[in-house]
Amino acid sequence: MDISRKKVIFLDSSIILRHFLGDSTAKNIIEDSSRFAINSIVFNEVSFNHLKLLYEEKYGEYRFYDMKSSLLPRDYGVLKGYEITWSFLDELYSEDR
């Protein structure tokens, strides 16, 4: 099937985050070889929520101001959430999806 004729699915942040967390339904949506669209709001939501998950994993309970102050000295272990999100989207883009 010509890729230009495939359906385009708008990926909501919840699907992307569930995919990162290993949800099988979200994984099936991502892997069905459709073309995807997202906007900057979704990118920001995914990046922030991934950042929040990494913060909770490293420090325990999430508190916005605690997270904000821990990021000031550039906690790269937590900031890698942005890198992971960007890599995921770059992979879809490189596959023309």
PDB file of N, CA and C in Angstrom:
ATOM      1  N   MET A   1       0.831  -1.179   0.000  1.00  0.00           N
ATOM      2  CA  MET A   1       0.000   0.000   0.000  1.00  0.00           C
ATOM      3  C   MET A   1       0.875   1.242   0.000  1.00  0.00           C
ATOM      4  N   ASP A   2       0.548   2.190  -0.834  1.00  0.00           N
ATOM      5  CA  ASP A   2       1.284   3.440  -0.911  1.00  0.00           C
ATOM      6  C   ASP A   2       1.144   4.192   0.404  1.00  0.00           C
ATOM      7  N   ILE A   3       2.272   4.602   0.999  1.00  0.00           N
ATOM      8  CA  ILE A   3       2.238   5.245   2.314  1.00  0.00           C
ATOM      9  C   ILE A   3       1.441   6.541   2.290  1.00  0.00           C
ATOM     10  N   SER A   4       1.387   7.218   1.140  1.00  0.00           N
ATOM     11  CA  SER A   4       0.644   8.466   1.069  1.00  0.00           C
ATOM     12  C   SER A   4      -0.861   8.239   1.191  1.00  0.00           C
ATOM     13  N   ARG A   5      -1.323   7.005   1.001  1.00  0.00           N
ATOM     14  CA  ARG A   5      -2.751   6.700   1.103  1.00  0.00           C
ATOM     15  C   ARG A   5      -3.139   6.131   2.466  1.00  0.00           C
ATOM     16  N   LYS A   6      -2.175   5.908   3.320  1.00  0.00           N
ATOM     17  CA  LYS A   6      -2.489   5.375   4.642  1.00  0.00           C
ATOM     18  C   LYS A   6      -3.170   6.446   5.483  1.00  0.00           C
ATOM     19  N   LYS A   7      -3.967   5.986   6.413  1.00  0.00           N
ATOM     20  CA  LYS A   7      -4.659   6.913   7.307  1.00  0.00           C
ATOM     21  C   LYS A   7      -3.656   7.641   8.187  1.00  0.00           C
ATOM     22  N   VAL A   8      -4.025   8.827   8.595  1.00  0.00           N
ATOM     23  CA  VAL A   8      -3.206   9.621   9.506  1.00  0.00           C
ATOM     24  C   VAL A   8      -3.948   9.678  10.833  1.00  0.00           C
ATOM     25  N   ILE A   9      -3.253   9.319  11.897  1.00  0.00           N
ATOM     26  CA  ILE A   9      -3.831   9.289  13.232  1.00  0.00           C
ATOM     27  C   ILE A   9      -3.179  10.388  14.065  1.00  0.00           C
ATOM     28  N   PHE A  10      -4.018  11.178  14.742  1.00  0.00           N
ATOM     29  CA  PHE A  10      -3.487  12.174  15.660  1.00  0.00           C
ATOM     30  C   PHE A  10      -3.151  11.462  16.966  1.00  0.00           C
ATOM     31  N   LEU A  11      -1.881  11.486  17.335  1.00  0.00           N
ATOM     32  CA  LEU A  11      -1.446  10.833  18.569  1.00  0.00           C
ATOM     33  C   LEU A  11      -1.624  11.782  19.740  1.00  0.00           C
ATOM     34  N   ASP A  12      -2.460  11.378  20.666  1.00  0.00           N
ATOM     35  CA  ASP A  12      -2.646  12.131  21.895  1.00  0.00           C
ATOM     36  C   ASP A  12      -1.526  11.772  22.862  1.00  0.00           C
ATOM     37  N   SER A  13      -1.243  12.671  23.774  1.00  0.00           N
ATOM     38  CA  SER A  13      -0.163  12.428  24.734  1.00  0.00           C
ATOM     39  C   SER A  13      -0.398  11.174  25.560  1.00  0.00           C
ATOM     40  N   SER A  14      -1.643  10.849  25.850  1.00  0.00           N
ATOM     41  CA  SER A  14      -1.913   9.667  26.675  1.00  0.00           C
ATOM     42  C   SER A  14      -1.478   8.379  25.977  1.00  0.00           C
ATOM     43  N   ILE A  15      -1.633   8.307  24.662  1.00  0.00           N
ATOM     44  CA  ILE A  15      -1.209   7.112  23.912  1.00  0.00           C
ATOM     45  C   ILE A  15       0.306   6.987  23.952  1.00  0.00           C
ATOM     46  N   ILE A  16       1.005   8.090  23.726  1.00  0.00           N
ATOM     47  CA  ILE A  16       2.471   8.052  23.722  1.00  0.00           C
ATOM     48  C   ILE A  16       2.999   7.671  25.100  1.00  0.00           C
ATOM     49  N   LEU A  17       2.441   8.277  26.149  1.00  0.00           N
ATOM     50  CA  LEU A  17       2.891   7.951  27.508  1.00  0.00           C
ATOM     51  C   LEU A  17       2.584   6.499  27.859  1.00  0.00           C
ATOM     52  N   ARG A  18       1.411   6.023  27.494  1.00  0.00           N
ATOM     53  CA  ARG A  18       1.071   4.624  27.763  1.00  0.00           C
ATOM     54  C   ARG A  18       2.011   3.690  26.993  1.00  0.00           C
ATOM     55  N   HIS A  19       2.411   4.091  25.787  1.00  0.00           N
ATOM     56  CA  HIS A  19       3.390   3.311  25.010  1.00  0.00           C
ATOM     57  C   HIS A  19       4.710   3.227  25.774  1.00  0.00           C
ATOM     58  N   PHE A  20       5.186   4.355  26.310  1.00  0.00           N
ATOM     59  CA  PHE A  20       6.425   4.367  27.092  1.00  0.00           C
ATOM     60  C   PHE A  20       6.329   3.486  28.324  1.00  0.00           C
ATOM     61  N   LEU A  21       5.122   3.370  28.886  1.00  0.00           N
ATOM     62  CA  LEU A  21       4.921   2.563  30.091  1.00  0.00           C
ATOM     63  C   LEU A  21       4.659   1.095  29.789  1.00  0.00           C
ATOM     64  N   GLY A  22       4.653   0.727  28.493  1.00  0.00           N
ATOM     65  CA  GLY A  22       4.521  -0.672  28.112  1.00  0.00           C
ATOM     66  C   GLY A  22       3.101  -1.159  27.892  1.00  0.00           C
ATOM     67  N   ASP A  23       2.135  -0.266  27.786  1.00  0.00           N
ATOM     68  CA  ASP A  23       0.747  -0.659  27.558  1.00  0.00           C
ATOM     69  C   ASP A  23       0.611  -1.308  26.179  1.00  0.00           C
ATOM     70  N   SER A  24       0.041  -2.503  26.126  1.00  0.00           N
ATOM     71  CA  SER A  24      -0.029  -3.259  24.874  1.00  0.00           C
ATOM     72  C   SER A  24      -0.961  -2.612  23.848  1.00  0.00           C
ATOM     73  N   THR A  25      -2.042  -2.015  24.286  1.00  0.00           N
ATOM     74  CA  THR A  25      -2.953  -1.353  23.339  1.00  0.00           C
ATOM     75  C   THR A  25      -2.263  -0.166  22.677  1.00  0.00           C
ATOM     76  N   ALA A  26      -1.580   0.640  23.476  1.00  0.00           N
ATOM     77  CA  ALA A  26      -0.848   1.787  22.931  1.00  0.00           C
ATOM     78  C   ALA A  26       0.265   1.312  22.004  1.00  0.00           C
ATOM     79  N   LYS A  27       0.931   0.238  22.372  1.00  0.00           N
ATOM     80  CA  LYS A  27       1.997  -0.319  21.534  1.00  0.00           C
ATOM     81  C   LYS A  27       1.437  -0.752  20.180  1.00  0.00           C
ATOM     82  N   ASN A  28       0.272  -1.390  20.179  1.00  0.00           N
ATOM     83  CA  ASN A  28      -0.354  -1.814  18.924  1.00  0.00           C
ATOM     84  C   ASN A  28      -0.725  -0.624  18.047  1.00  0.00           C
ATOM     85  N   ILE A  29      -1.204   0.441  18.657  1.00  0.00           N
ATOM     86  CA  ILE A  29      -1.538   1.647  17.891  1.00  0.00           C
ATOM     87  C   ILE A  29      -0.290   2.215  17.234  1.00  0.00           C
ATOM     88  N   ILE A  30       0.793   2.310  17.993  1.00  0.00           N
ATOM     89  CA  ILE A  30       2.049   2.873  17.474  1.00  0.00           C
ATOM     90  C   ILE A  30       2.633   1.986  16.381  1.00  0.00           C
ATOM     91  N   GLU A  31       2.537   0.684  16.542  1.00  0.00           N
ATOM     92  CA  GLU A  31       3.185  -0.234  15.614  1.00  0.00           C
ATOM     93  C   GLU A  31       2.324  -0.629  14.414  1.00  0.00           C
ATOM     94  N   ASP A  32       1.135  -0.074  14.276  1.00  0.00           N
ATOM     95  CA  ASP A  32       0.266  -0.497  13.174  1.00  0.00           C
ATOM     96  C   ASP A  32       0.662   0.108  11.826  1.00  0.00           C
ATOM     97  N   SER A  33       1.750   0.821  11.782  1.00  0.00           N
ATOM     98  CA  SER A  33       2.353   1.414  10.583  1.00  0.00           C
ATOM     99  C   SER A  33       1.523   2.529   9.961  1.00  0.00           C
ATOM    100  N   SER A  34       0.649   3.126  10.733  1.00  0.00           N
ATOM    101  CA  SER A  34      -0.066   4.300  10.258  1.00  0.00           C
ATOM    102  C   SER A  34       0.871   5.496  10.257  1.00  0.00           C
ATOM    103  N   ARG A  35       0.415   6.546   9.625  1.00  0.00           N
ATOM    104  CA  ARG A  35       1.134   7.814   9.710  1.00  0.00           C
ATOM    105  C   ARG A  35       0.524   8.575  10.878  1.00  0.00           C
ATOM    106  N   PHE A  36       1.341   9.356  11.559  1.00  0.00           N
ATOM    107  CA  PHE A  36       0.888  10.045  12.753  1.00  0.00           C
ATOM    108  C   PHE A  36       1.065  11.543  12.638  1.00  0.00           C
ATOM    109  N   ALA A  37       0.252  12.230  13.399  1.00  0.00           N
ATOM    110  CA  ALA A  37       0.373  13.679  13.527  1.00  0.00           C
ATOM    111  C   ALA A  37       0.327  14.008  15.014  1.00  0.00           C
ATOM    112  N   ILE A  38       1.140  14.966  15.410  1.00  0.00           N
ATOM    113  CA  ILE A  38       1.056  15.514  16.764  1.00  0.00           C
ATOM    114  C   ILE A  38       1.258  17.017  16.627  1.00  0.00           C
ATOM    115  N   ASN A  39       0.986  17.728  17.694  1.00  0.00           N
ATOM    116  CA  ASN A  39       1.267  19.157  17.690  1.00  0.00           C
ATOM    117  C   ASN A  39       2.198  19.493  18.854  1.00  0.00           C
ATOM    118  N   SER A  40       2.552  20.748  18.965  1.00  0.00           N
ATOM    119  CA  SER A  40       3.509  21.144  19.996  1.00  0.00           C
ATOM    120  C   SER A  40       2.944  20.949  21.404  1.00  0.00           C
ATOM    121  N   ILE A  41       1.637  21.038  21.564  1.00  0.00           N
ATOM    122  CA  ILE A  41       1.043  20.832  22.877  1.00  0.00           C
ATOM    123  C   ILE A  41       1.246  19.386  23.318  1.00  0.00           C
ATOM    124  N   VAL A  42       1.022  18.438  22.411  1.00  0.00           N
ATOM    125  CA  VAL A  42       1.226  17.026  22.733  1.00  0.00           C
ATOM    126  C   VAL A  42       2.691  16.779  23.074  1.00  0.00           C
ATOM    127  N   PHE A  43       3.604  17.329  22.281  1.00  0.00           N
ATOM    128  CA  PHE A  43       5.030  17.159  22.559  1.00  0.00           C
ATOM    129  C   PHE A  43       5.359  17.654  23.968  1.00  0.00           C
ATOM    130  N   ASN A  44       4.844  18.833  24.322  1.00  0.00           N
ATOM    131  CA  ASN A  44       5.117  19.391  25.649  1.00  0.00           C
ATOM    132  C   ASN A  44       4.483  18.554  26.751  1.00  0.00           C
ATOM    133  N   GLU A  45       3.254  18.082  26.539  1.00  0.00           N
ATOM    134  CA  GLU A  45       2.597  17.239  27.546  1.00  0.00           C
ATOM    135  C   GLU A  45       3.371  15.946  27.777  1.00  0.00           C
ATOM    136  N   VAL A  46       3.788  15.311  26.683  1.00  0.00           N
ATOM    137  CA  VAL A  46       4.533  14.058  26.798  1.00  0.00           C
ATOM    138  C   VAL A  46       5.862  14.307  27.498  1.00  0.00           C
ATOM    139  N   SER A  47       6.567  15.336  27.079  1.00  0.00           N
ATOM    140  CA  SER A  47       7.868  15.639  27.676  1.00  0.00           C
ATOM    141  C   SER A  47       7.737  15.931  29.165  1.00  0.00           C
ATOM    142  N   PHE A  48       6.758  16.765  29.540  1.00  0.00           N
ATOM    143  CA  PHE A  48       6.595  17.117  30.947  1.00  0.00           C
ATOM    144  C   PHE A  48       6.195  15.901  31.778  1.00  0.00           C
ATOM    145  N   ASN A  49       5.236  15.119  31.294  1.00  0.00           N
ATOM    146  CA  ASN A  49       4.786  13.963  32.062  1.00  0.00           C
ATOM    147  C   ASN A  49       5.855  12.882  32.147  1.00  0.00           C
ATOM    148  N   HIS A  50       6.657  12.756  31.105  1.00  0.00           N
ATOM    149  CA  HIS A  50       7.777  11.817  31.161  1.00  0.00           C
ATOM    150  C   HIS A  50       8.807  12.312  32.174  1.00  0.00           C
ATOM    151  N   LEU A  51       9.049  13.593  32.163  1.00  0.00           N
ATOM    152  CA  LEU A  51       9.950  14.206  33.135  1.00  0.00           C
ATOM    153  C   LEU A  51       9.445  13.940  34.556  1.00  0.00           C
ATOM    154  N   LYS A  52       8.149  14.099  34.759  1.00  0.00           N
ATOM    155  CA  LYS A  52       7.531  13.861  36.061  1.00  0.00           C
ATOM    156  C   LYS A  52       7.688  12.402  36.496  1.00  0.00           C
ATOM    157  N   LEU A  53       7.490  11.463  35.564  1.00  0.00           N
ATOM    158  CA  LEU A  53       7.656  10.044  35.875  1.00  0.00           C
ATOM    159  C   LEU A  53       9.101   9.723  36.261  1.00  0.00           C
ATOM    160  N   LEU A  54      10.057  10.290  35.529  1.00  0.00           N
ATOM    161  CA  LEU A  54      11.468  10.061  35.852  1.00  0.00           C
ATOM    162  C   LEU A  54      11.822  10.680  37.197  1.00  0.00           C
ATOM    163  N   TYR A  55      11.228  11.836  37.502  1.00  0.00           N
ATOM    164  CA  TYR A  55      11.458  12.465  38.801  1.00  0.00           C
ATOM    165  C   TYR A  55      10.937  11.572  39.925  1.00  0.00           C
ATOM    166  N   GLU A  56       9.708  11.058  39.773  1.00  0.00           N
ATOM    167  CA  GLU A  56       9.130  10.178  40.788  1.00  0.00           C
ATOM    168  C   GLU A  56       9.962   8.921  40.973  1.00  0.00           C
ATOM    169  N   GLU A  57      10.475   8.391  39.871  1.00  0.00           N
ATOM    170  CA  GLU A  57      11.301   7.186  39.943  1.00  0.00           C
ATOM    171  C   GLU A  57      12.579   7.452  40.743  1.00  0.00           C
ATOM    172  N   LYS A  58      13.135   8.634  40.572  1.00  0.00           N
ATOM    173  CA  LYS A  58      14.403   8.949  41.225  1.00  0.00           C
ATOM    174  C   LYS A  58      14.229   9.481  42.653  1.00  0.00           C
ATOM    175  N   TYR A  59      13.207  10.329  42.859  1.00  0.00           N
ATOM    176  CA  TYR A  59      13.079  11.019  44.141  1.00  0.00           C
ATOM    177  C   TYR A  59      11.846  10.626  44.954  1.00  0.00           C
ATOM    178  N   GLY A  60      10.981   9.813  44.405  1.00  0.00           N
ATOM    179  CA  GLY A  60       9.750   9.454  45.126  1.00  0.00           C
ATOM    180  C   GLY A  60       8.601  10.339  44.717  1.00  0.00           C
ATOM    181  N   GLU A  61       7.877  10.820  45.682  1.00  0.00           N
ATOM    182  CA  GLU A  61       6.660  11.598  45.435  1.00  0.00           C
ATOM    183  C   GLU A  61       6.936  12.857  44.607  1.00  0.00           C
ATOM    184  N   TYR A  62       6.047  13.121  43.648  1.00  0.00           N
ATOM    185  CA  TYR A  62       6.152  14.301  42.800  1.00  0.00           C
ATOM    186  C   TYR A  62       5.590  15.531  43.506  1.00  0.00           C
ATOM    187  N   ARG A  63       6.379  16.564  43.539  1.00  0.00           N
ATOM    188  CA  ARG A  63       5.940  17.891  43.983  1.00  0.00           C
ATOM    189  C   ARG A  63       6.541  18.880  43.003  1.00  0.00           C
ATOM    190  N   PHE A  64       5.699  19.672  42.385  1.00  0.00           N
ATOM    191  CA  PHE A  64       6.153  20.559  41.314  1.00  0.00           C
ATOM    192  C   PHE A  64       7.337  21.428  41.724  1.00  0.00           C
ATOM    193  N   TYR A  65       7.229  22.132  42.836  1.00  0.00           N
ATOM    194  CA  TYR A  65       8.297  23.067  43.212  1.00  0.00           C
ATOM    195  C   TYR A  65       9.581  22.342  43.619  1.00  0.00           C
ATOM    196  N   ASP A  66       9.452  21.162  44.193  1.00  0.00           N
ATOM    197  CA  ASP A  66      10.643  20.365  44.488  1.00  0.00           C
ATOM    198  C   ASP A  66      11.314  19.929  43.191  1.00  0.00           C
ATOM    199  N   MET A  67      10.497  19.517  42.239  1.00  0.00           N
ATOM    200  CA  MET A  67      11.064  19.102  40.954  1.00  0.00           C
ATOM    201  C   MET A  67      11.726  20.291  40.268  1.00  0.00           C
ATOM    202  N   LYS A  68      11.051  21.411  40.284  1.00  0.00           N
ATOM    203  CA  LYS A  68      11.599  22.611  39.655  1.00  0.00           C
ATOM    204  C   LYS A  68      12.946  22.985  40.251  1.00  0.00           C
ATOM    205  N   SER A  69      13.056  22.955  41.582  1.00  0.00           N
ATOM    206  CA  SER A  69      14.326  23.335  42.212  1.00  0.00           C
ATOM    207  C   SER A  69      15.414  22.296  41.965  1.00  0.00           C
ATOM    208  N   SER A  70      15.042  21.014  41.826  1.00  0.00           N
ATOM    209  CA  SER A  70      16.063  19.997  41.556  1.00  0.00           C
ATOM    210  C   SER A  70      16.565  20.083  40.120  1.00  0.00           C
ATOM    211  N   LEU A  71      15.762  20.661  39.252  1.00  0.00           N
ATOM    212  CA  LEU A  71      16.183  20.791  37.859  1.00  0.00           C
ATOM    213  C   LEU A  71      17.082  21.994  37.639  1.00  0.00           C
ATOM    214  N   LEU A  72      17.059  22.935  38.555  1.00  0.00           N
ATOM    215  CA  LEU A  72      17.907  24.114  38.401  1.00  0.00           C
ATOM    216  C   LEU A  72      19.380  23.743  38.287  1.00  0.00           C
ATOM    217  N   PRO A  73      19.877  22.802  39.103  1.00  0.00           N
ATOM    218  CA  PRO A  73      21.281  22.411  38.934  1.00  0.00           C
ATOM    219  C   PRO A  73      21.484  21.422  37.777  1.00  0.00           C
ATOM    220  N   ARG A  74      20.493  21.267  36.938  1.00  0.00           N
ATOM    221  CA  ARG A  74      20.566  20.408  35.742  1.00  0.00           C
ATOM    222  C   ARG A  74      20.733  18.941  36.090  1.00  0.00           C
ATOM    223  N   ASP A  75      19.689  18.369  36.597  1.00  0.00           N
ATOM    224  CA  ASP A  75      19.659  16.939  36.898  1.00  0.00           C
ATOM    225  C   ASP A  75      19.429  16.192  35.574  1.00  0.00           C
ATOM    226  N   TYR A  76      20.515  15.817  34.922  1.00  0.00           N
ATOM    227  CA  TYR A  76      20.408  15.216  33.600  1.00  0.00           C
ATOM    228  C   TYR A  76      19.732  13.850  33.612  1.00  0.00           C
ATOM    229  N   GLY A  77      19.751  13.166  34.728  1.00  0.00           N
ATOM    230  CA  GLY A  77      19.051  11.890  34.809  1.00  0.00           C
ATOM    231  C   GLY A  77      17.558  12.058  34.641  1.00  0.00           C
ATOM    232  N   VAL A  78      17.029  13.137  35.152  1.00  0.00           N
ATOM    233  CA  VAL A  78      15.609  13.425  35.021  1.00  0.00           C
ATOM    234  C   VAL A  78      15.321  14.096  33.677  1.00  0.00           C
ATOM    235  N   LEU A  79      16.204  14.973  33.246  1.00  0.00           N
ATOM    236  CA  LEU A  79      15.984  15.686  31.993  1.00  0.00           C
ATOM    237  C   LEU A  79      16.054  14.786  30.766  1.00  0.00           C
ATOM    238  N   LYS A  80      16.522  13.561  30.918  1.00  0.00           N
ATOM    239  CA  LYS A  80      16.593  12.676  29.763  1.00  0.00           C
ATOM    240  C   LYS A  80      15.207  12.345  29.209  1.00  0.00           C
ATOM    241  N   GLY A  81      14.149  12.681  29.946  1.00  0.00           N
ATOM    242  CA  GLY A  81      12.787  12.494  29.449  1.00  0.00           C
ATOM    243  C   GLY A  81      12.570  13.233  28.145  1.00  0.00           C
ATOM    244  N   TYR A  82      13.132  14.434  28.029  1.00  0.00           N
ATOM    245  CA  TYR A  82      13.014  15.185  26.790  1.00  0.00           C
ATOM    246  C   TYR A  82      13.765  14.489  25.663  1.00  0.00           C
ATOM    247  N   GLU A  83      14.929  13.964  25.960  1.00  0.00           N
ATOM    248  CA  GLU A  83      15.723  13.260  24.949  1.00  0.00           C
ATOM    249  C   GLU A  83      14.994  12.005  24.465  1.00  0.00           C
ATOM    250  N   ILE A  84      14.398  11.261  25.383  1.00  0.00           N
ATOM    251  CA  ILE A  84      13.670  10.042  25.012  1.00  0.00           C
ATOM    252  C   ILE A  84      12.468  10.387  24.140  1.00  0.00           C
ATOM    253  N   THR A  85      11.731  11.430  24.519  1.00  0.00           N
ATOM    254  CA  THR A  85      10.564  11.850  23.739  1.00  0.00           C
ATOM    255  C   THR A  85      10.998  12.272  22.345  1.00  0.00           C
ATOM    256  N   TRP A  86      12.042  13.087  22.267  1.00  0.00           N
ATOM    257  CA  TRP A  86      12.517  13.553  20.964  1.00  0.00           C
ATOM    258  C   TRP A  86      12.992  12.372  20.108  1.00  0.00           C
ATOM    259  N   SER A  87      13.706  11.426  20.678  1.00  0.00           N
ATOM    260  CA  SER A  87      14.192  10.261  19.937  1.00  0.00           C
ATOM    261  C   SER A  87      13.036   9.434  19.389  1.00  0.00           C
ATOM    262  N   PHE A  88      11.998   9.256  20.207  1.00  0.00           N
ATOM    263  CA  PHE A  88      10.815   8.508  19.782  1.00  0.00           C
ATOM    264  C   PHE A  88      10.161   9.180  18.576  1.00  0.00           C
ATOM    265  N   LEU A  89       9.961  10.492  18.662  1.00  0.00           N
ATOM    266  CA  LEU A  89       9.326  11.211  17.566  1.00  0.00           C
ATOM    267  C   LEU A  89      10.231  11.262  16.340  1.00  0.00           C
ATOM    268  N   ASP A  90      11.524  11.395  16.545  1.00  0.00           N
ATOM    269  CA  ASP A  90      12.472  11.394  15.431  1.00  0.00           C
ATOM    270  C   ASP A  90      12.467  10.056  14.699  1.00  0.00           C
ATOM    271  N   GLU A  91      12.316   8.965  15.440  1.00  0.00           N
ATOM    272  CA  GLU A  91      12.250   7.638  14.810  1.00  0.00           C
ATOM    273  C   GLU A  91      10.996   7.519  13.936  1.00  0.00           C
ATOM    274  N   LEU A  92       9.868   7.989  14.444  1.00  0.00           N
ATOM    275  CA  LEU A  92       8.639   7.969  13.622  1.00  0.00           C
ATOM    276  C   LEU A  92       8.809   8.833  12.383  1.00  0.00           C
ATOM    277  N   TYR A  93       9.430   9.995  12.548  1.00  0.00           N
ATOM    278  CA  TYR A  93       9.650  10.893  11.421  1.00  0.00           C
ATOM    279  C   TYR A  93      10.573  10.270  10.381  1.00  0.00           C
ATOM    280  N   SER A  94      11.631   9.610  10.833  1.00  0.00           N
ATOM    281  CA  SER A  94      12.579   9.005   9.899  1.00  0.00           C
ATOM    282  C   SER A  94      11.948   7.836   9.132  1.00  0.00           C
ATOM    283  N   GLU A  95      10.910   7.236   9.702  1.00  0.00           N
ATOM    284  CA  GLU A  95      10.186   6.167   9.015  1.00  0.00           C
ATOM    285  C   GLU A  95       9.065   6.732   8.145  1.00  0.00           C
ATOM    286  N   ASP A  96       9.026   8.062   8.012  1.00  0.00           N
ATOM    287  CA  ASP A  96       7.989   8.772   7.244  1.00  0.00           C
ATOM    288  C   ASP A  96       6.607   8.463   7.803  1.00  0.00           C
ATOM    289  N   ARG A  97       6.519   8.414   9.127  1.00  0.00           N
ATOM    290  CA  ARG A  97       5.254   8.134   9.780  1.00  0.00           C
ATOM    291  C   ARG A  97       4.785   9.329  10.552  1.00  0.00           C
TER     292      ARG A  97
END
